[in-house]
């Protein structure tokens, strides 16, 4: 099971091409108002967003990873999986890194939706991942996709295809950073309710 710290080398390797990737992926998501519409069905569930100003981003350079005491949103799916978003932080090089915790709130094994991995052929070699997660800027009507490295691997948590009872794992995904004027985006996990999160 991969985490943010398992793909640091890949993230560093693509830092030089981040601007080009961001421009390319943003251009793919840009366009008319239809880009900000949901592209698939949503499962029943609940979303709880934290009021603005009540969450703090993790300390920069923290050796222990993101601050899991902060909560931007909590997304509950009908299958018993819960996603808690802890931070959405702009970083040097044009990245936006979203950190969270994925938990199975049930007392049984739950298989993660294959839709989370996305439908692109180029990321199928990665196996289970969060490459299908997107961010939507409703104001600018743009959709942002998970970044890929130079070999086509998504810059996100990989290897999660099921969750044991009450298991929880840290997850992350890196996206092109929206303009500095954008303070909120919607985060969309396929088959889960959409949540609005604050950017920092």
C-alpha atoms as a PDB file:
ATOM      1  CA  UNK A   1       0.000   0.000   0.000  1.00  0.00           C
ATOM      2  CA  UNK A   2       1.618   3.284  -1.089  1.00  0.00           C
ATOM      3  CA  UNK A   3       1.463   6.564   0.750  1.00  0.00           C
ATOM      4  CA  UNK A   4       2.605  10.077   0.079  1.00  0.00           C
ATOM      5  CA  UNK A   5       6.031   9.254   1.359  1.00  0.00           C
ATOM      6  CA  UNK A   6       6.400   6.231  -0.900  1.00  0.00           C
ATOM      7  CA  UNK A   7       6.223   8.331  -4.038  1.00  0.00           C
ATOM      8  CA  UNK A   8       8.323  11.291  -2.929  1.00  0.00           C
ATOM      9  CA  UNK A   9      11.015  10.333  -5.401  1.00  0.00           C
ATOM     10  CA  UNK A  10       8.552  10.452  -8.259  1.00  0.00           C
ATOM     11  CA  UNK A  11       7.214  13.807  -7.096  1.00  0.00           C
ATOM     12  CA  UNK A  12      10.731  15.240  -7.011  1.00  0.00           C
ATOM     13  CA  UNK A  13      11.473  13.808 -10.445  1.00  0.00           C
ATOM     14  CA  UNK A  14       8.586  15.679 -12.016  1.00  0.00           C
ATOM     15  CA  UNK A  15       9.157  18.989 -10.287  1.00  0.00           C
ATOM     16  CA  UNK A  16      10.942  20.307 -13.370  1.00  0.00           C
ATOM     17  CA  UNK A  17       7.966  19.504 -15.569  1.00  0.00           C
ATOM     18  CA  UNK A  18       5.261  20.563 -13.121  1.00  0.00           C
ATOM     19  CA  UNK A  19       4.488  23.824 -14.866  1.00  0.00           C
ATOM     20  CA  UNK A  20       4.097  22.123 -18.227  1.00  0.00           C
ATOM     21  CA  UNK A  21       1.919  19.365 -16.772  1.00  0.00           C
ATOM     22  CA  UNK A  22      -0.199  21.869 -14.898  1.00  0.00           C
ATOM     23  CA  UNK A  23      -0.747  23.916 -18.036  1.00  0.00           C
ATOM     24  CA  UNK A  24      -1.566  20.839 -20.097  1.00  0.00           C
ATOM     25  CA  UNK A  25      -3.948  19.258 -17.574  1.00  0.00           C
ATOM     26  CA  UNK A  26      -5.649  22.552 -16.787  1.00  0.00           C
ATOM     27  CA  UNK A  27      -6.132  23.171 -20.484  1.00  0.00           C
ATOM     28  CA  UNK A  28      -7.715  19.741 -20.800  1.00  0.00           C
ATOM     29  CA  UNK A  29     -10.094  20.623 -17.994  1.00  0.00           C
ATOM     30  CA  UNK A  30     -10.789  24.153 -19.154  1.00  0.00           C
ATOM     31  CA  UNK A  31     -13.508  25.285 -21.468  1.00  0.00           C
ATOM     32  CA  UNK A  32     -17.241  25.735 -21.262  1.00  0.00           C
ATOM     33  CA  UNK A  33     -19.531  25.413 -18.307  1.00  0.00           C
ATOM     34  CA  UNK A  34     -20.031  21.685 -18.870  1.00  0.00           C
ATOM     35  CA  UNK A  35     -16.530  21.001 -17.490  1.00  0.00           C
ATOM     36  CA  UNK A  36     -17.637  21.710 -13.945  1.00  0.00           C
ATOM     37  CA  UNK A  37     -20.570  19.317 -14.129  1.00  0.00           C
ATOM     38  CA  UNK A  38     -20.364  15.947 -12.473  1.00  0.00           C
ATOM     39  CA  UNK A  39     -19.286  13.301 -14.970  1.00  0.00           C
ATOM     40  CA  UNK A  40     -20.867  10.282 -13.285  1.00  0.00           C
ATOM     41  CA  UNK A  41     -23.433   9.041 -10.785  1.00  0.00           C
ATOM     42  CA  UNK A  42     -23.037   9.817  -7.115  1.00  0.00           C
ATOM     43  CA  UNK A  43     -23.720   7.255  -4.417  1.00  0.00           C
ATOM     44  CA  UNK A  44     -25.839   8.099  -1.435  1.00  0.00           C
ATOM     45  CA  UNK A  45     -23.821   9.448   1.470  1.00  0.00           C
ATOM     46  CA  UNK A  46     -23.176  12.481   3.585  1.00  0.00           C
ATOM     47  CA  UNK A  47     -20.695  15.341   3.561  1.00  0.00           C
ATOM     48  CA  UNK A  48     -19.677  17.507   6.475  1.00  0.00           C
ATOM     49  CA  UNK A  49     -17.545  20.550   5.692  1.00  0.00           C
ATOM     50  CA  UNK A  50     -15.611  22.488   8.280  1.00  0.00           C
ATOM     51  CA  UNK A  51     -16.518  26.186   8.612  1.00  0.00           C
ATOM     52  CA  UNK A  52     -13.923  28.468   6.973  1.00  0.00           C
ATOM     53  CA  UNK A  53     -11.110  29.483   9.262  1.00  0.00           C
ATOM     54  CA  UNK A  54     -11.474  26.574  11.683  1.00  0.00           C
ATOM     55  CA  UNK A  55      -8.872  24.330  10.084  1.00  0.00           C
ATOM     56  CA  UNK A  56      -5.140  24.857  10.070  1.00  0.00           C
ATOM     57  CA  UNK A  57      -2.729  23.450   7.478  1.00  0.00           C
ATOM     58  CA  UNK A  58       0.049  21.070   8.559  1.00  0.00           C
ATOM     59  CA  UNK A  59       3.398  22.678   9.458  1.00  0.00           C
ATOM     60  CA  UNK A  60       5.644  22.971   6.431  1.00  0.00           C
ATOM     61  CA  UNK A  61       8.414  20.415   6.433  1.00  0.00           C
ATOM     62  CA  UNK A  62       6.732  18.395   9.155  1.00  0.00           C
ATOM     63  CA  UNK A  63       8.580  15.061   9.461  1.00  0.00           C
ATOM     64  CA  UNK A  64       5.439  13.294  10.639  1.00  0.00           C
ATOM     65  CA  UNK A  65       3.256  14.200   7.661  1.00  0.00           C
ATOM     66  CA  UNK A  66      -0.018  16.132   7.526  1.00  0.00           C
ATOM     67  CA  UNK A  67      -1.797  17.394  10.608  1.00  0.00           C
ATOM     68  CA  UNK A  68      -4.638  14.917  10.992  1.00  0.00           C
ATOM     69  CA  UNK A  69      -6.245  17.011  13.729  1.00  0.00           C
ATOM     70  CA  UNK A  70      -7.440  19.481  11.073  1.00  0.00           C
ATOM     71  CA  UNK A  71     -10.596  18.637   9.126  1.00  0.00           C
ATOM     72  CA  UNK A  72     -11.695  20.418   5.954  1.00  0.00           C
ATOM     73  CA  UNK A  73     -14.470  17.953   5.106  1.00  0.00           C
ATOM     74  CA  UNK A  74     -15.778  14.507   5.971  1.00  0.00           C
ATOM     75  CA  UNK A  75     -17.284  12.404   3.183  1.00  0.00           C
ATOM     76  CA  UNK A  76     -19.321   9.320   4.064  1.00  0.00           C
ATOM     77  CA  UNK A  77     -20.187   6.846   1.330  1.00  0.00           C
ATOM     78  CA  UNK A  78     -23.064   4.396   1.354  1.00  0.00           C
ATOM     79  CA  UNK A  79     -20.582   1.477   1.389  1.00  0.00           C
ATOM     80  CA  UNK A  80     -19.214   2.429   4.820  1.00  0.00           C
ATOM     81  CA  UNK A  81     -16.030   4.131   3.577  1.00  0.00           C
ATOM     82  CA  UNK A  82     -15.268   7.532   5.087  1.00  0.00           C
ATOM     83  CA  UNK A  83     -12.827  10.094   3.698  1.00  0.00           C
ATOM     84  CA  UNK A  84     -11.622  12.902   5.948  1.00  0.00           C
ATOM     85  CA  UNK A  85      -9.800  15.713   4.129  1.00  0.00           C
ATOM     86  CA  UNK A  86      -7.175  17.278   6.406  1.00  0.00           C
ATOM     87  CA  UNK A  87      -5.428  19.789   4.146  1.00  0.00           C
ATOM     88  CA  UNK A  88      -5.253  21.205   0.621  1.00  0.00           C
ATOM     89  CA  UNK A  89      -1.993  23.113   0.391  1.00  0.00           C
ATOM     90  CA  UNK A  90      -0.376  24.969  -2.505  1.00  0.00           C
ATOM     91  CA  UNK A  91       3.285  24.084  -2.935  1.00  0.00           C
ATOM     92  CA  UNK A  92       6.222  25.400  -4.920  1.00  0.00           C
ATOM     93  CA  UNK A  93       6.233  24.306  -8.538  1.00  0.00           C
ATOM     94  CA  UNK A  94       2.519  24.779  -9.131  1.00  0.00           C
ATOM     95  CA  UNK A  95       1.273  21.786  -7.113  1.00  0.00           C
ATOM     96  CA  UNK A  96      -1.727  21.487  -4.830  1.00  0.00           C
ATOM     97  CA  UNK A  97      -1.424  18.569  -2.408  1.00  0.00           C
ATOM     98  CA  UNK A  98      -4.566  17.200  -0.776  1.00  0.00           C
ATOM     99  CA  UNK A  99      -4.039  15.001   2.297  1.00  0.00           C
ATOM    100  CA  UNK A 100      -6.637  12.914   4.044  1.00  0.00           C
ATOM    101  CA  UNK A 101      -7.542   9.721   5.855  1.00  0.00           C
ATOM    102  CA  UNK A 102      -9.558   6.869   4.376  1.00  0.00           C
ATOM    103  CA  UNK A 103     -11.400   4.676   6.880  1.00  0.00           C
ATOM    104  CA  UNK A 104     -13.651   1.639   6.730  1.00  0.00           C
ATOM    105  CA  UNK A 105     -16.293   2.421   9.350  1.00  0.00           C
ATOM    106  CA  UNK A 106     -17.888  -1.022   9.114  1.00  0.00           C
ATOM    107  CA  UNK A 107     -17.153  -4.338  10.827  1.00  0.00           C
ATOM    108  CA  UNK A 108     -16.512  -6.145   7.544  1.00  0.00           C
ATOM    109  CA  UNK A 109     -14.171  -6.053   4.558  1.00  0.00           C
ATOM    110  CA  UNK A 110     -15.086  -3.348   2.018  1.00  0.00           C
ATOM    111  CA  UNK A 111     -13.767  -3.251  -1.545  1.00  0.00           C
ATOM    112  CA  UNK A 112     -12.860   0.228  -2.761  1.00  0.00           C
ATOM    113  CA  UNK A 113     -14.658   1.366  -5.922  1.00  0.00           C
ATOM    114  CA  UNK A 114     -12.615   0.651  -9.079  1.00  0.00           C
ATOM    115  CA  UNK A 115     -13.856   4.016 -10.390  1.00  0.00           C
ATOM    116  CA  UNK A 116     -11.456   5.707  -7.957  1.00  0.00           C
ATOM    117  CA  UNK A 117      -8.594   4.585 -10.199  1.00  0.00           C
ATOM    118  CA  UNK A 118      -9.932   6.518 -13.192  1.00  0.00           C
ATOM    119  CA  UNK A 119     -10.654   5.250 -16.682  1.00  0.00           C
ATOM    120  CA  UNK A 120      -7.488   6.326 -18.490  1.00  0.00           C
ATOM    121  CA  UNK A 121      -5.546   3.518 -20.127  1.00  0.00           C
ATOM    122  CA  UNK A 122      -2.223   5.096 -19.202  1.00  0.00           C
ATOM    123  CA  UNK A 123      -2.846   4.747 -15.458  1.00  0.00           C
ATOM    124  CA  UNK A 124      -4.237   1.206 -15.524  1.00  0.00           C
ATOM    125  CA  UNK A 125      -0.693  -0.151 -15.142  1.00  0.00           C
ATOM    126  CA  UNK A 126      -0.601   1.524 -11.729  1.00  0.00           C
ATOM    127  CA  UNK A 127      -3.339  -0.716 -10.400  1.00  0.00           C
ATOM    128  CA  UNK A 128      -5.730   0.568  -7.713  1.00  0.00           C
ATOM    129  CA  UNK A 129      -5.180   4.268  -7.055  1.00  0.00           C
ATOM    130  CA  UNK A 130      -6.946   7.592  -6.504  1.00  0.00           C
ATOM    131  CA  UNK A 131      -6.220   8.785 -10.062  1.00  0.00           C
ATOM    132  CA  UNK A 132      -9.956   9.257 -10.686  1.00  0.00           C
ATOM    133  CA  UNK A 133     -10.331  11.932  -8.001  1.00  0.00           C
ATOM    134  CA  UNK A 134     -10.888  15.449  -9.365  1.00  0.00           C
ATOM    135  CA  UNK A 135     -11.134  19.014  -8.123  1.00  0.00           C
ATOM    136  CA  UNK A 136     -13.696  21.415  -9.581  1.00  0.00           C
ATOM    137  CA  UNK A 137     -13.465  25.198  -9.528  1.00  0.00           C
ATOM    138  CA  UNK A 138     -17.100  26.181 -10.001  1.00  0.00           C
ATOM    139  CA  UNK A 139     -16.301  29.879 -10.392  1.00  0.00           C
ATOM    140  CA  UNK A 140     -13.824  29.456 -13.257  1.00  0.00           C
ATOM    141  CA  UNK A 141     -15.629  26.323 -14.493  1.00  0.00           C
ATOM    142  CA  UNK A 142     -12.480  24.205 -14.553  1.00  0.00           C
ATOM    143  CA  UNK A 143     -11.844  20.610 -13.561  1.00  0.00           C
ATOM    144  CA  UNK A 144      -8.395  19.572 -12.257  1.00  0.00           C
ATOM    145  CA  UNK A 145      -7.088  16.016 -12.579  1.00  0.00           C
ATOM    146  CA  UNK A 146      -4.450  14.179 -10.538  1.00  0.00           C
ATOM    147  CA  UNK A 147      -0.975  14.903 -11.910  1.00  0.00           C
ATOM    148  CA  UNK A 148       1.093  12.192 -13.606  1.00  0.00           C
ATOM    149  CA  UNK A 149       4.847  11.781 -13.519  1.00  0.00           C
ATOM    150  CA  UNK A 150       7.015  11.468 -16.633  1.00  0.00           C
ATOM    151  CA  UNK A 151       6.290   7.728 -16.815  1.00  0.00           C
ATOM    152  CA  UNK A 152       2.534   8.183 -16.602  1.00  0.00           C
ATOM    153  CA  UNK A 153       2.108   7.145 -12.970  1.00  0.00           C
ATOM    154  CA  UNK A 154      -0.416   9.235 -10.998  1.00  0.00           C
ATOM    155  CA  UNK A 155       0.912  11.304  -8.125  1.00  0.00           C
ATOM    156  CA  UNK A 156      -1.454   9.858  -5.567  1.00  0.00           C
ATOM    157  CA  UNK A 157      -1.877   6.995  -3.139  1.00  0.00           C
ATOM    158  CA  UNK A 158      -1.879   3.620  -4.899  1.00  0.00           C
ATOM    159  CA  UNK A 159      -2.492  -0.017  -3.995  1.00  0.00           C
ATOM    160  CA  UNK A 160      -5.703   0.300  -1.979  1.00  0.00           C
ATOM    161  CA  UNK A 161      -8.219  -2.174  -3.373  1.00  0.00           C
ATOM    162  CA  UNK A 162      -9.931  -3.157  -0.120  1.00  0.00           C
ATOM    163  CA  UNK A 163     -10.177  -2.074   3.501  1.00  0.00           C
ATOM    164  CA  UNK A 164     -10.357  -4.374   6.511  1.00  0.00           C
ATOM    165  CA  UNK A 165     -12.934  -3.727   9.228  1.00  0.00           C
ATOM    166  CA  UNK A 166     -12.207  -0.403  10.976  1.00  0.00           C
ATOM    167  CA  UNK A 167      -8.947   0.012   9.037  1.00  0.00           C
ATOM    168  CA  UNK A 168      -7.747   3.506   8.223  1.00  0.00           C
ATOM    169  CA  UNK A 169      -4.913   4.724   6.011  1.00  0.00           C
ATOM    170  CA  UNK A 170      -3.445   8.090   5.066  1.00  0.00           C
ATOM    171  CA  UNK A 171      -4.056   9.138   1.468  1.00  0.00           C
ATOM    172  CA  UNK A 172      -2.927  11.988  -0.744  1.00  0.00           C
ATOM    173  CA  UNK A 173      -3.270  13.333  -4.276  1.00  0.00           C
ATOM    174  CA  UNK A 174      -1.433  16.091  -6.124  1.00  0.00           C
ATOM    175  CA  UNK A 175      -3.150  18.379  -8.619  1.00  0.00           C
ATOM    176  CA  UNK A 176      -2.203  21.441 -10.652  1.00  0.00           C
ATOM    177  CA  UNK A 177      -2.683  24.386  -8.307  1.00  0.00           C
ATOM    178  CA  UNK A 178      -5.632  26.647  -9.149  1.00  0.00           C
ATOM    179  CA  UNK A 179      -4.942  30.396  -9.400  1.00  0.00           C
ATOM    180  CA  UNK A 180      -4.147  32.159  -6.134  1.00  0.00           C
ATOM    181  CA  UNK A 181      -7.530  33.899  -6.286  1.00  0.00           C
ATOM    182  CA  UNK A 182      -9.315  30.558  -5.912  1.00  0.00           C
ATOM    183  CA  UNK A 183      -9.971  29.837  -2.239  1.00  0.00           C
ATOM    184  CA  UNK A 184     -12.421  26.918  -2.514  1.00  0.00           C
ATOM    185  CA  UNK A 185     -12.849  23.891  -4.754  1.00  0.00           C
ATOM    186  CA  UNK A 186     -15.112  20.868  -4.806  1.00  0.00           C
ATOM    187  CA  UNK A 187     -13.381  17.512  -4.395  1.00  0.00           C
ATOM    188  CA  UNK A 188     -15.015  14.566  -6.125  1.00  0.00           C
ATOM    189  CA  UNK A 189     -14.315  10.916  -5.372  1.00  0.00           C
ATOM    190  CA  UNK A 190     -16.252   8.819  -7.911  1.00  0.00           C
ATOM    191  CA  UNK A 191     -19.455   7.339  -6.414  1.00  0.00           C
ATOM    192  CA  UNK A 192     -19.084   9.516  -3.295  1.00  0.00           C
ATOM    193  CA  UNK A 193     -20.809  12.786  -2.410  1.00  0.00           C
ATOM    194  CA  UNK A 194     -19.018  15.963  -3.454  1.00  0.00           C
ATOM    195  CA  UNK A 195     -17.418  18.116  -0.735  1.00  0.00           C
ATOM    196  CA  UNK A 196     -16.231  21.727  -0.784  1.00  0.00           C
ATOM    197  CA  UNK A 197     -12.786  22.335   0.740  1.00  0.00           C
ATOM    198  CA  UNK A 198     -10.767  25.440   1.560  1.00  0.00           C
ATOM    199  CA  UNK A 199      -7.353  25.919  -0.067  1.00  0.00           C
ATOM    200  CA  UNK A 200      -4.334  27.225   1.794  1.00  0.00           C
END
